[in-house]
Amino acid sequence: MLAEKFFIYLAVMAGVTYLIRALPFALCQNKVKNQFIKSFLYYVPYAVLAAMTFPAVIYSTDGIIPGIAGTATGLLFAYNRKSLLMVALVSCATAFAAEMLCKLL
């Protein structure tokens, strides 16, 4: 009984996932020429990735303050065009130091 429901749910999920990916290919056979749509489609992966990871970054620590401190530091270093490794290391170190400071207080 439980296995039957699982496979039904799995089939529905696979079908919906396939339709979401295959439908644009079936409907858009010509090359996209509209500059607005091209730029919109170019930035969609970045926007989705940011929307998925940003809440996880903020709530990855015991409190919200260390997450915000690490994120702010990372944004500052990224804005100043530091390397990805430098941004990651400084962000982690800041979040760790802020969490230790919060535990002391």
PDB file of N, CA and C in Angstrom:
ATOM      1  N   MET A   1       0.835  -1.198   0.000  1.00  0.00           N
ATOM      2  CA  MET A   1       0.000   0.000   0.000  1.00  0.00           C
ATOM      3  C   MET A   1       0.875   1.255   0.000  1.00  0.00           C
ATOM      4  N   LEU A   2       1.832   1.290   0.930  1.00  0.00           N
ATOM      5  CA  LEU A   2       2.710   2.452   1.024  1.00  0.00           C
ATOM      6  C   LEU A   2       3.618   2.553  -0.202  1.00  0.00           C
ATOM      7  N   ALA A   3       4.092   1.401  -0.690  1.00  0.00           N
ATOM      8  CA  ALA A   3       4.964   1.393  -1.864  1.00  0.00           C
ATOM      9  C   ALA A   3       4.214   1.863  -3.108  1.00  0.00           C
ATOM     10  N   GLU A   4       2.929   1.529  -3.211  1.00  0.00           N
ATOM     11  CA  GLU A   4       2.136   1.967  -4.361  1.00  0.00           C
ATOM     12  C   GLU A   4       2.011   3.487  -4.387  1.00  0.00           C
ATOM     13  N   LYS A   5       1.735   4.083  -3.232  1.00  0.00           N
ATOM     14  CA  LYS A   5       1.626   5.540  -3.164  1.00  0.00           C
ATOM     15  C   LYS A   5       2.958   6.206  -3.494  1.00  0.00           C
ATOM     16  N   PHE A   6       4.029   5.604  -3.008  1.00  0.00           N
ATOM     17  CA  PHE A   6       5.351   6.166  -3.261  1.00  0.00           C
ATOM     18  C   PHE A   6       5.635   6.231  -4.762  1.00  0.00           C
ATOM     19  N   PHE A   7       5.344   5.136  -5.466  1.00  0.00           N
ATOM     20  CA  PHE A   7       5.629   5.111  -6.895  1.00  0.00           C
ATOM     21  C   PHE A   7       4.688   6.026  -7.681  1.00  0.00           C
ATOM     22  N   ILE A   8       3.465   6.194  -7.207  1.00  0.00           N
ATOM     23  CA  ILE A   8       2.554   7.147  -7.846  1.00  0.00           C
ATOM     24  C   ILE A   8       3.088   8.564  -7.665  1.00  0.00           C
ATOM     25  N   TYR A   9       3.479   8.895  -6.447  1.00  0.00           N
ATOM     26  CA  TYR A   9       4.045  10.226  -6.182  1.00  0.00           C
ATOM     27  C   TYR A   9       5.314  10.450  -6.988  1.00  0.00           C
ATOM     28  N   LEU A  10       6.139   9.424  -7.074  1.00  0.00           N
ATOM     29  CA  LEU A  10       7.386   9.520  -7.831  1.00  0.00           C
ATOM     30  C   LEU A  10       7.104   9.754  -9.314  1.00  0.00           C
ATOM     31  N   ALA A  11       6.125   9.050  -9.861  1.00  0.00           N
ATOM     32  CA  ALA A  11       5.784   9.218 -11.275  1.00  0.00           C
ATOM     33  C   ALA A  11       5.227  10.615 -11.553  1.00  0.00           C
ATOM     34  N   VAL A  12       4.372  11.123 -10.665  1.00  0.00           N
ATOM     35  CA  VAL A  12       3.826  12.471 -10.846  1.00  0.00           C
ATOM     36  C   VAL A  12       4.942  13.505 -10.771  1.00  0.00           C
ATOM     37  N   MET A  13       5.838  13.353  -9.793  1.00  0.00           N
ATOM     38  CA  MET A  13       6.943  14.293  -9.650  1.00  0.00           C
ATOM     39  C   MET A  13       7.859  14.257 -10.878  1.00  0.00           C
ATOM     40  N   ALA A  14       8.150  13.059 -11.383  1.00  0.00           N
ATOM     41  CA  ALA A  14       8.999  12.937 -12.569  1.00  0.00           C
ATOM     42  C   ALA A  14       8.321  13.559 -13.781  1.00  0.00           C
ATOM     43  N   GLY A  15       7.020  13.354 -13.912  1.00  0.00           N
ATOM     44  CA  GLY A  15       6.292  13.932 -15.039  1.00  0.00           C
ATOM     45  C   GLY A  15       6.275  15.444 -15.002  1.00  0.00           C
ATOM     46  N   VAL A  16       6.004  16.008 -13.838  1.00  0.00           N
ATOM     47  CA  VAL A  16       5.982  17.466 -13.708  1.00  0.00           C
ATOM     48  C   VAL A  16       7.368  18.045 -13.971  1.00  0.00           C
ATOM     49  N   THR A  17       8.388  17.426 -13.427  1.00  0.00           N
ATOM     50  CA  THR A  17       9.750  17.904 -13.638  1.00  0.00           C
ATOM     51  C   THR A  17      10.121  17.838 -15.117  1.00  0.00           C
ATOM     52  N   TYR A  18       9.745  16.755 -15.780  1.00  0.00           N
ATOM     53  CA  TYR A  18      10.053  16.615 -17.205  1.00  0.00           C
ATOM     54  C   TYR A  18       9.313  17.666 -18.022  1.00  0.00           C
ATOM     55  N   LEU A  19       8.035  17.900 -17.702  1.00  0.00           N
ATOM     56  CA  LEU A  19       7.263  18.891 -18.452  1.00  0.00           C
ATOM     57  C   LEU A  19       7.838  20.288 -18.312  1.00  0.00           C
ATOM     58  N   ILE A  20       8.268  20.633 -17.104  1.00  0.00           N
ATOM     59  CA  ILE A  20       8.838  21.961 -16.878  1.00  0.00           C
ATOM     60  C   ILE A  20      10.097  22.153 -17.717  1.00  0.00           C
ATOM     61  N   ARG A  21      10.855  21.096 -17.894  1.00  0.00           N
ATOM     62  CA  ARG A  21      12.100  21.222 -18.656  1.00  0.00           C
ATOM     63  C   ARG A  21      11.885  21.056 -20.157  1.00  0.00           C
ATOM     64  N   ALA A  22      10.948  20.221 -20.559  1.00  0.00           N
ATOM     65  CA  ALA A  22      10.772  19.919 -21.980  1.00  0.00           C
ATOM     66  C   ALA A  22       9.835  20.888 -22.680  1.00  0.00           C
ATOM     67  N   LEU A  23       8.892  21.474 -21.959  1.00  0.00           N
ATOM     68  CA  LEU A  23       7.910  22.356 -22.579  1.00  0.00           C
ATOM     69  C   LEU A  23       8.544  23.578 -23.267  1.00  0.00           C
ATOM     70  N   PRO A  24       9.505  24.262 -22.657  1.00  0.00           N
ATOM     71  CA  PRO A  24      10.126  25.387 -23.379  1.00  0.00           C
ATOM     72  C   PRO A  24      10.816  24.972 -24.679  1.00  0.00           C
ATOM     73  N   PHE A  25      11.422  23.788 -24.687  1.00  0.00           N
ATOM     74  CA  PHE A  25      12.065  23.328 -25.920  1.00  0.00           C
ATOM     75  C   PHE A  25      11.033  23.029 -27.002  1.00  0.00           C
ATOM     76  N   ALA A  26       9.876  22.525 -26.604  1.00  0.00           N
ATOM     77  CA  ALA A  26       8.837  22.212 -27.586  1.00  0.00           C
ATOM     78  C   ALA A  26       8.168  23.474 -28.112  1.00  0.00           C
ATOM     79  N   LEU A  27       8.007  24.480 -27.260  1.00  0.00           N
ATOM     80  CA  LEU A  27       7.303  25.692 -27.668  1.00  0.00           C
ATOM     81  C   LEU A  27       8.195  26.705 -28.379  1.00  0.00           C
ATOM     82  N   CYS A  28       9.448  26.770 -28.015  1.00  0.00           N
ATOM     83  CA  CYS A  28      10.373  27.771 -28.574  1.00  0.00           C
ATOM     84  C   CYS A  28      11.350  27.089 -29.517  1.00  0.00           C
ATOM     85  N   GLN A  29      10.939  26.938 -30.763  1.00  0.00           N
ATOM     86  CA  GLN A  29      11.819  26.273 -31.716  1.00  0.00           C
ATOM     87  C   GLN A  29      12.737  27.262 -32.426  1.00  0.00           C
ATOM     88  N   ASN A  30      12.325  28.509 -32.505  1.00  0.00           N
ATOM     89  CA  ASN A  30      13.169  29.532 -33.122  1.00  0.00           C
ATOM     90  C   ASN A  30      14.097  30.151 -32.079  1.00  0.00           C
ATOM     91  N   LYS A  31      15.126  30.787 -32.557  1.00  0.00           N
ATOM     92  CA  LYS A  31      16.054  31.453 -31.655  1.00  0.00           C
ATOM     93  C   LYS A  31      15.392  32.708 -31.067  1.00  0.00           C
ATOM     94  N   VAL A  32      15.627  32.958 -29.778  1.00  0.00           N
ATOM     95  CA  VAL A  32      15.042  34.123 -29.119  1.00  0.00           C
ATOM     96  C   VAL A  32      15.787  35.361 -29.584  1.00  0.00           C
ATOM     97  N   LYS A  33      15.033  36.332 -30.111  1.00  0.00           N
ATOM     98  CA  LYS A  33      15.648  37.548 -30.645  1.00  0.00           C
ATOM     99  C   LYS A  33      15.387  38.769 -29.779  1.00  0.00           C
ATOM    100  N   ASN A  34      14.406  38.697 -28.919  1.00  0.00           N
ATOM    101  CA  ASN A  34      14.068  39.815 -28.050  1.00  0.00           C
ATOM    102  C   ASN A  34      15.173  39.999 -27.010  1.00  0.00           C
ATOM    103  N   GLN A  35      15.760  41.186 -26.970  1.00  0.00           N
ATOM    104  CA  GLN A  35      16.888  41.456 -26.068  1.00  0.00           C
ATOM    105  C   GLN A  35      16.464  41.382 -24.600  1.00  0.00           C
ATOM    106  N   PHE A  36      15.243  41.831 -24.286  1.00  0.00           N
ATOM    107  CA  PHE A  36      14.765  41.788 -22.905  1.00  0.00           C
ATOM    108  C   PHE A  36      14.637  40.350 -22.421  1.00  0.00           C
ATOM    109  N   ILE A  37      14.060  39.490 -23.233  1.00  0.00           N
ATOM    110  CA  ILE A  37      13.897  38.085 -22.844  1.00  0.00           C
ATOM    111  C   ILE A  37      15.248  37.397 -22.746  1.00  0.00           C
ATOM    112  N   LYS A  38      16.163  37.717 -23.649  1.00  0.00           N
ATOM    113  CA  LYS A  38      17.501  37.126 -23.587  1.00  0.00           C
ATOM    114  C   LYS A  38      18.219  37.510 -22.290  1.00  0.00           C
ATOM    115  N   SER A  39      18.135  38.783 -21.921  1.00  0.00           N
ATOM    116  CA  SER A  39      18.790  39.201 -20.681  1.00  0.00           C
ATOM    117  C   SER A  39      18.089  38.620 -19.463  1.00  0.00           C
ATOM    118  N   PHE A  40      16.755  38.504 -19.517  1.00  0.00           N
ATOM    119  CA  PHE A  40      16.004  37.890 -18.423  1.00  0.00           C
ATOM    120  C   PHE A  40      16.429  36.436 -18.239  1.00  0.00           C
ATOM    121  N   LEU A  41      16.504  35.678 -19.312  1.00  0.00           N
ATOM    122  CA  LEU A  41      16.898  34.269 -19.228  1.00  0.00           C
ATOM    123  C   LEU A  41      18.359  34.112 -18.818  1.00  0.00           C
ATOM    124  N   TYR A  42      19.176  35.092 -19.133  1.00  0.00           N
ATOM    125  CA  TYR A  42      20.582  35.028 -18.742  1.00  0.00           C
ATOM    126  C   TYR A  42      20.737  35.109 -17.227  1.00  0.00           C
ATOM    127  N   TYR A  43      19.917  35.950 -16.566  1.00  0.00           N
ATOM    128  CA  TYR A  43      20.067  36.166 -15.134  1.00  0.00           C
ATOM    129  C   TYR A  43      19.213  35.248 -14.270  1.00  0.00           C
ATOM    130  N   VAL A  44      18.339  34.457 -14.838  1.00  0.00           N
ATOM    131  CA  VAL A  44      17.479  33.568 -14.049  1.00  0.00           C
ATOM    132  C   VAL A  44      18.286  32.587 -13.186  1.00  0.00           C
ATOM    133  N   PRO A  45      19.299  31.901 -13.712  1.00  0.00           N
ATOM    134  CA  PRO A  45      20.032  30.964 -12.841  1.00  0.00           C
ATOM    135  C   PRO A  45      20.686  31.643 -11.636  1.00  0.00           C
ATOM    136  N   TYR A  46      21.214  32.846 -11.827  1.00  0.00           N
ATOM    137  CA  TYR A  46      21.840  33.562 -10.722  1.00  0.00           C
ATOM    138  C   TYR A  46      20.803  33.955  -9.672  1.00  0.00           C
ATOM    139  N   ALA A  47      19.651  34.401 -10.118  1.00  0.00           N
ATOM    140  CA  ALA A  47      18.596  34.815  -9.187  1.00  0.00           C
ATOM    141  C   ALA A  47      18.060  33.622  -8.403  1.00  0.00           C
ATOM    142  N   VAL A  48      17.876  32.498  -9.071  1.00  0.00           N
ATOM    143  CA  VAL A  48      17.373  31.303  -8.387  1.00  0.00           C
ATOM    144  C   VAL A  48      18.404  30.795  -7.385  1.00  0.00           C
ATOM    145  N   LEU A  49      19.657  30.775  -7.768  1.00  0.00           N
ATOM    146  CA  LEU A  49      20.706  30.332  -6.853  1.00  0.00           C
ATOM    147  C   LEU A  49      20.789  31.231  -5.632  1.00  0.00           C
ATOM    148  N   ALA A  50      20.701  32.528  -5.830  1.00  0.00           N
ATOM    149  CA  ALA A  50      20.733  33.459  -4.705  1.00  0.00           C
ATOM    150  C   ALA A  50      19.520  33.284  -3.809  1.00  0.00           C
ATOM    151  N   ALA A  51      18.349  33.078  -4.394  1.00  0.00           N
ATOM    152  CA  ALA A  51      17.131  32.913  -3.605  1.00  0.00           C
ATOM    153  C   ALA A  51      17.161  31.624  -2.795  1.00  0.00           C
ATOM    154  N   MET A  52      17.841  30.612  -3.293  1.00  0.00           N
ATOM    155  CA  MET A  52      17.912  29.348  -2.555  1.00  0.00           C
ATOM    156  C   MET A  52      18.989  29.369  -1.469  1.00  0.00           C
ATOM    157  N   THR A  53      20.099  30.044  -1.719  1.00  0.00           N
ATOM    158  CA  THR A  53      21.203  29.973  -0.768  1.00  0.00           C
ATOM    159  C   THR A  53      21.178  31.067   0.296  1.00  0.00           C
ATOM    160  N   PHE A  54      20.611  32.218  -0.007  1.00  0.00           N
ATOM    161  CA  PHE A  54      20.663  33.326   0.948  1.00  0.00           C
ATOM    162  C   PHE A  54      20.020  32.994   2.294  1.00  0.00           C
ATOM    163  N   PRO A  55      18.814  32.430   2.350  1.00  0.00           N
ATOM    164  CA  PRO A  55      18.256  32.091   3.665  1.00  0.00           C
ATOM    165  C   PRO A  55      19.102  31.045   4.405  1.00  0.00           C
ATOM    166  N   ALA A  56      19.672  30.110   3.676  1.00  0.00           N
ATOM    167  CA  ALA A  56      20.501  29.084   4.316  1.00  0.00           C
ATOM    168  C   ALA A  56      21.759  29.693   4.920  1.00  0.00           C
ATOM    169  N   VAL A  57      22.308  30.700   4.271  1.00  0.00           N
ATOM    170  CA  VAL A  57      23.505  31.360   4.793  1.00  0.00           C
ATOM    171  C   VAL A  57      23.187  32.111   6.077  1.00  0.00           C
ATOM    172  N   ILE A  58      22.066  32.801   6.106  1.00  0.00           N
ATOM    173  CA  ILE A  58      21.690  33.585   7.285  1.00  0.00           C
ATOM    174  C   ILE A  58      21.400  32.680   8.479  1.00  0.00           C
ATOM    175  N   TYR A  59      20.702  31.575   8.244  1.00  0.00           N
ATOM    176  CA  TYR A  59      20.278  30.712   9.347  1.00  0.00           C
ATOM    177  C   TYR A  59      21.197  29.513   9.567  1.00  0.00           C
ATOM    178  N   SER A  60      22.413  29.541   9.042  1.00  0.00           N
ATOM    179  CA  SER A  60      23.320  28.406   9.179  1.00  0.00           C
ATOM    180  C   SER A  60      24.010  28.348  10.540  1.00  0.00           C
ATOM    181  N   THR A  61      23.966  29.405  11.300  1.00  0.00           N
ATOM    182  CA  THR A  61      24.607  29.438  12.612  1.00  0.00           C
ATOM    183  C   THR A  61      23.558  29.301  13.703  1.00  0.00           C
ATOM    184  N   ASP A  62      24.011  29.296  14.955  1.00  0.00           N
ATOM    185  CA  ASP A  62      23.078  29.167  16.076  1.00  0.00           C
ATOM    186  C   ASP A  62      22.168  30.379  16.203  1.00  0.00           C
ATOM    187  N   GLY A  63      22.679  31.532  15.870  1.00  0.00           N
ATOM    188  CA  GLY A  63      21.888  32.757  15.933  1.00  0.00           C
ATOM    189  C   GLY A  63      21.896  33.450  14.585  1.00  0.00           C
ATOM    190  N   ILE A  64      21.057  34.451  14.469  1.00  0.00           N
ATOM    191  CA  ILE A  64      20.955  35.156  13.187  1.00  0.00           C
ATOM    192  C   ILE A  64      22.063  36.213  13.039  1.00  0.00           C
ATOM    193  N   ILE A  65      22.565  36.723  14.145  1.00  0.00           N
ATOM    194  CA  ILE A  65      23.584  37.789  14.099  1.00  0.00           C
ATOM    195  C   ILE A  65      24.893  37.309  13.460  1.00  0.00           C
ATOM    196  N   PRO A  66      25.438  36.141  13.842  1.00  0.00           N
ATOM    197  CA  PRO A  66      26.655  35.681  13.151  1.00  0.00           C
ATOM    198  C   PRO A  66      26.443  35.434  11.656  1.00  0.00           C
ATOM    199  N   GLY A  67      25.269  34.954  11.276  1.00  0.00           N
ATOM    200  CA  GLY A  67      24.987  34.740   9.859  1.00  0.00           C
ATOM    201  C   GLY A  67      24.961  36.048   9.091  1.00  0.00           C
ATOM    202  N   ILE A  68      24.355  37.059   9.688  1.00  0.00           N
ATOM    203  CA  ILE A  68      24.306  38.373   9.040  1.00  0.00           C
ATOM    204  C   ILE A  68      25.704  38.989   8.969  1.00  0.00           C
ATOM    205  N   ALA A  69      26.484  38.821  10.033  1.00  0.00           N
ATOM    206  CA  ALA A  69      27.845  39.370  10.041  1.00  0.00           C
ATOM    207  C   ALA A  69      28.709  38.714   8.964  1.00  0.00           C
ATOM    208  N   GLY A  70      28.626  37.392   8.845  1.00  0.00           N
ATOM    209  CA  GLY A  70      29.391  36.695   7.812  1.00  0.00           C
ATOM    210  C   GLY A  70      28.945  37.075   6.416  1.00  0.00           C
ATOM    211  N   THR A  71      27.644  37.214   6.227  1.00  0.00           N
ATOM    212  CA  THR A  71      27.122  37.605   4.920  1.00  0.00           C
ATOM    213  C   THR A  71      27.546  39.024   4.552  1.00  0.00           C
ATOM    214  N   ALA A  72      27.451  39.933   5.513  1.00  0.00           N
ATOM    215  CA  ALA A  72      27.844  41.322   5.248  1.00  0.00           C
ATOM    216  C   ALA A  72      29.329  41.414   4.905  1.00  0.00           C
ATOM    217  N   THR A  73      30.146  40.665   5.632  1.00  0.00           N
ATOM    218  CA  THR A  73      31.578  40.670   5.342  1.00  0.00           C
ATOM    219  C   THR A  73      31.848  40.090   3.956  1.00  0.00           C
ATOM    220  N   GLY A  74      31.166  39.007   3.626  1.00  0.00           N
ATOM    221  CA  GLY A  74      31.339  38.409   2.307  1.00  0.00           C
ATOM    222  C   GLY A  74      30.919  39.347   1.188  1.00  0.00           C
ATOM    223  N   LEU A  75      29.809  40.036   1.388  1.00  0.00           N
ATOM    224  CA  LEU A  75      29.355  40.992   0.378  1.00  0.00           C
ATOM    225  C   LEU A  75      30.345  42.142   0.214  1.00  0.00           C
ATOM    226  N   LEU A  76      30.897  42.609   1.322  1.00  0.00           N
ATOM    227  CA  LEU A  76      31.873  43.694   1.272  1.00  0.00           C
ATOM    228  C   LEU A  76      33.128  43.269   0.510  1.00  0.00           C
ATOM    229  N   PHE A  77      33.636  42.086   0.815  1.00  0.00           N
ATOM    230  CA  PHE A  77      34.836  41.605   0.135  1.00  0.00           C
ATOM    231  C   PHE A  77      34.554  41.303  -1.342  1.00  0.00           C
ATOM    232  N   ALA A  78      33.378  40.751  -1.638  1.00  0.00           N
ATOM    233  CA  ALA A  78      33.038  40.467  -3.037  1.00  0.00           C
ATOM    234  C   ALA A  78      32.870  41.773  -3.821  1.00  0.00           C
ATOM    235  N   TYR A  79      32.293  42.776  -3.183  1.00  0.00           N
ATOM    236  CA  TYR A  79      32.130  44.074  -3.843  1.00  0.00           C
ATOM    237  C   TYR A  79      33.485  44.688  -4.176  1.00  0.00           C
ATOM    238  N   ASN A  80      34.479  44.442  -3.324  1.00  0.00           N
ATOM    239  CA  ASN A  80      35.829  44.949  -3.560  1.00  0.00           C
ATOM    240  C   ASN A  80      36.651  44.021  -4.443  1.00  0.00           C
ATOM    241  N   ARG A  81      35.985  43.079  -5.106  1.00  0.00           N
ATOM    242  CA  ARG A  81      36.578  42.184  -6.093  1.00  0.00           C
ATOM    243  C   ARG A  81      37.716  41.326  -5.553  1.00  0.00           C
ATOM    244  N   LYS A  82      37.552  40.816  -4.333  1.00  0.00           N
ATOM    245  CA  LYS A  82      38.512  39.863  -3.792  1.00  0.00           C
ATOM    246  C   LYS A  82      38.227  38.487  -4.383  1.00  0.00           C
ATOM    247  N   SER A  83      39.173  37.573  -4.249  1.00  0.00           N
ATOM    248  CA  SER A  83      38.997  36.243  -4.825  1.00  0.00           C
ATOM    249  C   SER A  83      37.909  35.467  -4.078  1.00  0.00           C
ATOM    250  N   LEU A  84      37.376  34.454  -4.726  1.00  0.00           N
ATOM    251  CA  LEU A  84      36.320  33.643  -4.133  1.00  0.00           C
ATOM    252  C   LEU A  84      36.804  32.958  -2.857  1.00  0.00           C
ATOM    253  N   LEU A  85      38.040  32.484  -2.868  1.00  0.00           N
ATOM    254  CA  LEU A  85      38.595  31.846  -1.683  1.00  0.00           C
ATOM    255  C   LEU A  85      38.714  32.836  -0.531  1.00  0.00           C
ATOM    256  N   MET A  86      39.154  34.037  -0.811  1.00  0.00           N
ATOM    257  CA  MET A  86      39.284  35.070   0.224  1.00  0.00           C
ATOM    258  C   MET A  86      37.912  35.428   0.794  1.00  0.00           C
ATOM    259  N   VAL A  87      36.924  35.584  -0.069  1.00  0.00           N
ATOM    260  CA  VAL A  87      35.571  35.921   0.392  1.00  0.00           C
ATOM    261  C   VAL A  87      35.036  34.818   1.295  1.00  0.00           C
ATOM    262  N   ALA A  88      35.201  33.566   0.889  1.00  0.00           N
ATOM    263  CA  ALA A  88      34.696  32.441   1.676  1.00  0.00           C
ATOM    264  C   ALA A  88      35.403  32.341   3.021  1.00  0.00           C
ATOM    265  N   LEU A  89      36.721  32.477   3.012  1.00  0.00           N
ATOM    266  CA  LEU A  89      37.477  32.354   4.267  1.00  0.00           C
ATOM    267  C   LEU A  89      37.144  33.477   5.249  1.00  0.00           C
ATOM    268  N   VAL A  90      37.095  34.700   4.766  1.00  0.00           N
ATOM    269  CA  VAL A  90      36.809  35.837   5.637  1.00  0.00           C
ATOM    270  C   VAL A  90      35.374  35.769   6.157  1.00  0.00           C
ATOM    271  N   SER A  91      34.436  35.355   5.301  1.00  0.00           N
ATOM    272  CA  SER A  91      33.044  35.229   5.732  1.00  0.00           C
ATOM    273  C   SER A  91      32.893  34.175   6.822  1.00  0.00           C
ATOM    274  N   CYS A  92      33.528  33.036   6.624  1.00  0.00           N
ATOM    275  CA  CYS A  92      33.464  31.967   7.634  1.00  0.00           C
ATOM    276  C   CYS A  92      34.127  32.400   8.930  1.00  0.00           C
ATOM    277  N   ALA A  93      35.274  33.052   8.828  1.00  0.00           N
ATOM    278  CA  ALA A  93      35.973  33.511  10.029  1.00  0.00           C
ATOM    279  C   ALA A  93      35.150  34.554  10.782  1.00  0.00           C
ATOM    280  N   THR A  94      34.509  35.448  10.055  1.00  0.00           N
ATOM    281  CA  THR A  94      33.680  36.470  10.698  1.00  0.00           C
ATOM    282  C   THR A  94      32.476  35.845  11.382  1.00  0.00           C
ATOM    283  N   ALA A  95      31.829  34.913  10.707  1.00  0.00           N
ATOM    284  CA  ALA A  95      30.674  34.241  11.307  1.00  0.00           C
ATOM    285  C   ALA A  95      31.092  33.451  12.543  1.00  0.00           C
ATOM    286  N   PHE A  96      32.237  32.786  12.475  1.00  0.00           N
ATOM    287  CA  PHE A  96      32.741  32.033  13.628  1.00  0.00           C
ATOM    288  C   PHE A  96      33.060  32.954  14.791  1.00  0.00           C
ATOM    289  N   ALA A  97      33.752  34.068  14.504  1.00  0.00           N
ATOM    290  CA  ALA A  97      34.106  35.005  15.572  1.00  0.00           C
ATOM    291  C   ALA A  97      32.852  35.638  16.178  1.00  0.00           C
ATOM    292  N   ALA A  98      31.892  35.969  15.354  1.00  0.00           N
ATOM    293  CA  ALA A  98      30.643  36.566  15.875  1.00  0.00           C
ATOM    294  C   ALA A  98      29.874  35.559  16.714  1.00  0.00           C
ATOM    295  N   GLU A  99      29.893  34.300  16.322  1.00  0.00           N
ATOM    296  CA  GLU A  99      29.187  33.284  17.113  1.00  0.00           C
ATOM    297  C   GLU A  99      29.888  33.073  18.453  1.00  0.00           C
ATOM    298  N   MET A 100      31.204  33.057  18.444  1.00  0.00           N
ATOM    299  CA  MET A 100      31.923  32.923  19.719  1.00  0.00           C
ATOM    300  C   MET A 100      31.687  34.129  20.607  1.00  0.00           C
ATOM    301  N   LEU A 101      31.642  35.314  20.030  1.00  0.00           N
ATOM    302  CA  LEU A 101      31.371  36.536  20.789  1.00  0.00           C
ATOM    303  C   LEU A 101      29.951  36.507  21.365  1.00  0.00           C
ATOM    304  N   CYS A 102      29.005  36.033  20.595  1.00  0.00           N
ATOM    305  CA  CYS A 102      27.624  35.948  21.096  1.00  0.00           C
ATOM    306  C   CYS A 102      27.507  34.947  22.231  1.00  0.00           C
ATOM    307  N   LYS A 103      28.279  33.883  22.177  1.00  0.00           N
ATOM    308  CA  LYS A 103      28.234  32.886  23.252  1.00  0.00           C
ATOM    309  C   LYS A 103      28.855  33.434  24.538  1.00  0.00           C
ATOM    310  N   LEU A 104      29.865  34.294  24.382  1.00  0.00           N
ATOM    311  CA  LEU A 104      30.500  34.883  25.560  1.00  0.00           C
ATOM    312  C   LEU A 104      29.602  35.900  26.243  1.00  0.00           C
ATOM    313  N   LEU A 105      28.793  36.583  25.469  1.00  0.00           N
ATOM    314  CA  LEU A 105      27.924  37.622  26.020  1.00  0.00           C
ATOM    315  C   LEU A 105      26.682  37.053  26.509  1.00  0.00           C
TER     316      LEU A 105
END
